[in-house]
C-alpha atoms as a PDB file:
ATOM      1  CA  MET A   1    -148.976-235.819  21.365  1.00  0.00           C
ATOM      2  CA  LYS A   2    -148.139-233.666  24.390  1.00  0.00           C
ATOM      3  CA  LYS A   3    -147.796-235.094  27.853  1.00  0.00           C
ATOM      4  CA  VAL A   4    -150.076-233.704  30.523  1.00  0.00           C
ATOM      5  CA  GLU A   5    -149.225-233.709  34.199  1.00  0.00           C
ATOM      6  CA  VAL A   6    -152.079-233.725  36.667  1.00  0.00           C
ATOM      7  CA  VAL A   7    -151.447-231.760  39.872  1.00  0.00           C
ATOM      8  CA  LYS A   8    -153.446-230.981  42.965  1.00  0.00           C
ATOM      9  CA  ASN A   9    -154.937-227.540  43.461  1.00  0.00           C
ATOM     10  CA  THR A  10    -152.633-226.952  46.442  1.00  0.00           C
ATOM     11  CA  GLN A  11    -149.626-227.297  44.145  1.00  0.00           C
ATOM     12  CA  VAL A  12    -150.766-224.507  41.836  1.00  0.00           C
ATOM     13  CA  GLU A  13    -149.697-220.928  42.544  1.00  0.00           C
ATOM     14  CA  VAL A  14    -152.271-218.306  41.589  1.00  0.00           C
ATOM     15  CA  LYS A  15    -151.191-214.732  40.900  1.00  0.00           C
ATOM     16  CA  PRO A  16    -153.323-211.819  39.717  1.00  0.00           C
ATOM     17  CA  PHE A  17    -152.857-210.735  36.103  1.00  0.00           C
ATOM     18  CA  VAL A  18    -151.133-207.349  36.022  1.00  0.00           C
ATOM     19  CA  LEU A  19    -151.295-205.789  32.578  1.00  0.00           C
ATOM     20  CA  ARG A  20    -148.453-203.356  33.366  1.00  0.00           C
ATOM     21  CA  ASN A  21    -146.030-206.287  33.480  1.00  0.00           C
ATOM     22  CA  PHE A  22    -146.691-207.022  29.802  1.00  0.00           C
ATOM     23  CA  ILE A  23    -146.588-203.466  28.431  1.00  0.00           C
ATOM     24  CA  GLN A  24    -143.248-202.047  27.382  1.00  0.00           C
ATOM     25  CA  SER A  25    -142.395-198.819  29.150  1.00  0.00           C
ATOM     26  CA  LYS A  26    -142.471-195.666  27.034  1.00  0.00           C
ATOM     27  CA  GLU A  27    -139.453-194.337  28.905  1.00  0.00           C
ATOM     28  CA  MET A  28    -136.245-195.821  27.530  1.00  0.00           C
ATOM     29  CA  PRO A  29    -133.028-196.052  29.516  1.00  0.00           C
ATOM     30  CA  ALA A  30    -130.520-193.271  28.787  1.00  0.00           C
ATOM     31  CA  THR A  31    -128.043-195.687  27.219  1.00  0.00           C
ATOM     32  CA  ILE A  32    -130.588-196.776  24.620  1.00  0.00           C
ATOM     33  CA  LYS A  33    -131.630-193.205  23.821  1.00  0.00           C
ATOM     34  CA  HIS A  34    -128.092-192.203  22.919  1.00  0.00           C
ATOM     35  CA  THR A  35    -127.555-195.173  20.647  1.00  0.00           C
ATOM     36  CA  THR A  36    -130.844-195.029  18.761  1.00  0.00           C
ATOM     37  CA  ILE A  37    -131.143-191.308  18.070  1.00  0.00           C
ATOM     38  CA  THR A  38    -129.094-190.172  15.102  1.00  0.00           C
ATOM     39  CA  LYS A  39    -128.892-186.990  13.117  1.00  0.00           C
ATOM     40  CA  VAL A  40    -131.285-186.411  10.250  1.00  0.00           C
ATOM     41  CA  THR A  41    -129.803-185.833   6.805  1.00  0.00           C
ATOM     42  CA  LYS A  42    -131.153-183.762   3.928  1.00  0.00           C
ATOM     43  CA  LYS A  43    -131.212-186.875   1.756  1.00  0.00           C
ATOM     44  CA  GLU A  44    -133.449-188.710   4.240  1.00  0.00           C
ATOM     45  CA  LEU A  45    -135.821-185.737   4.459  1.00  0.00           C
ATOM     46  CA  LYS A  46    -135.997-185.474   0.664  1.00  0.00           C
ATOM     47  CA  ASN A  47    -136.740-189.206   0.381  1.00  0.00           C
ATOM     48  CA  VAL A  48    -139.547-188.922   2.951  1.00  0.00           C
ATOM     49  CA  ALA A  49    -141.019-185.896   1.194  1.00  0.00           C
ATOM     50  CA  ASP A  50    -140.855-187.678  -2.165  1.00  0.00           C
ATOM     51  CA  SER A  51    -142.474-190.832  -0.781  1.00  0.00           C
ATOM     52  CA  LEU A  52    -145.316-188.731   0.659  1.00  0.00           C
ATOM     53  CA  GLY A  53    -145.643-186.735  -2.545  1.00  0.00           C
ATOM     54  CA  LEU A  54    -144.897-183.426  -0.822  1.00  0.00           C
ATOM     55  CA  PRO A  55    -143.355-180.525  -2.756  1.00  0.00           C
ATOM     56  CA  TYR A  56    -140.312-178.932  -1.113  1.00  0.00           C
ATOM     57  CA  GLU A  57    -137.483-176.460  -1.612  1.00  0.00           C
ATOM     58  CA  ASP A  58    -133.894-176.780  -0.420  1.00  0.00           C
ATOM     59  CA  ALA A  59    -134.413-173.944   2.090  1.00  0.00           C
ATOM     60  CA  GLN A  60    -137.327-175.848   3.641  1.00  0.00           C
ATOM     61  CA  ILE A  61    -135.281-179.036   3.834  1.00  0.00           C
ATOM     62  CA  SER A  62    -132.400-177.191   5.519  1.00  0.00           C
ATOM     63  CA  PHE A  63    -134.725-175.590   8.064  1.00  0.00           C
ATOM     64  CA  CYS A  64    -136.423-178.909   8.773  1.00  0.00           C
ATOM     65  CA  LYS A  65    -133.057-180.634   9.213  1.00  0.00           C
ATOM     66  CA  LYS A  66    -131.875-178.030  11.733  1.00  0.00           C
ATOM     67  CA  LEU A  67    -135.163-178.170  13.610  1.00  0.00           C
ATOM     68  CA  LEU A  68    -135.283-181.978  13.826  1.00  0.00           C
ATOM     69  CA  ASN A  69    -131.629-182.334  14.804  1.00  0.00           C
ATOM     70  CA  GLU A  70    -132.040-179.811  17.621  1.00  0.00           C
ATOM     71  CA  TYR A  71    -135.194-181.573  18.797  1.00  0.00           C
ATOM     72  CA  LEU A  72    -133.453-184.970  18.802  1.00  0.00           C
ATOM     73  CA  LYS A  73    -130.508-183.454  20.682  1.00  0.00           C
ATOM     74  CA  GLN A  74    -132.804-182.047  23.375  1.00  0.00           C
ATOM     75  CA  MET A  75    -134.709-185.336  23.681  1.00  0.00           C
ATOM     76  CA  SER A  76    -131.499-187.314  24.122  1.00  0.00           C
ATOM     77  CA  GLU A  77    -130.379-184.995  26.947  1.00  0.00           C
ATOM     78  CA  LYS A  78    -133.530-185.604  28.995  1.00  0.00           C
END
């Protein structure tokens, strides 16, 4: 059984509920961006394509790898 403490209404602090305080920011600090973004490998791209049932050629995988790595590089510099 939990103990309950009865207090007077003058002892209670009331603050408005601000939803922003409970939502994680979409903008990550620069230190986190650099540690979480890694380069994409051909093997990873092939595994994703296979799991989605998508047909692919090696030329497509190479192009996709170059494109994604450049995109991740640009995003980490922002």
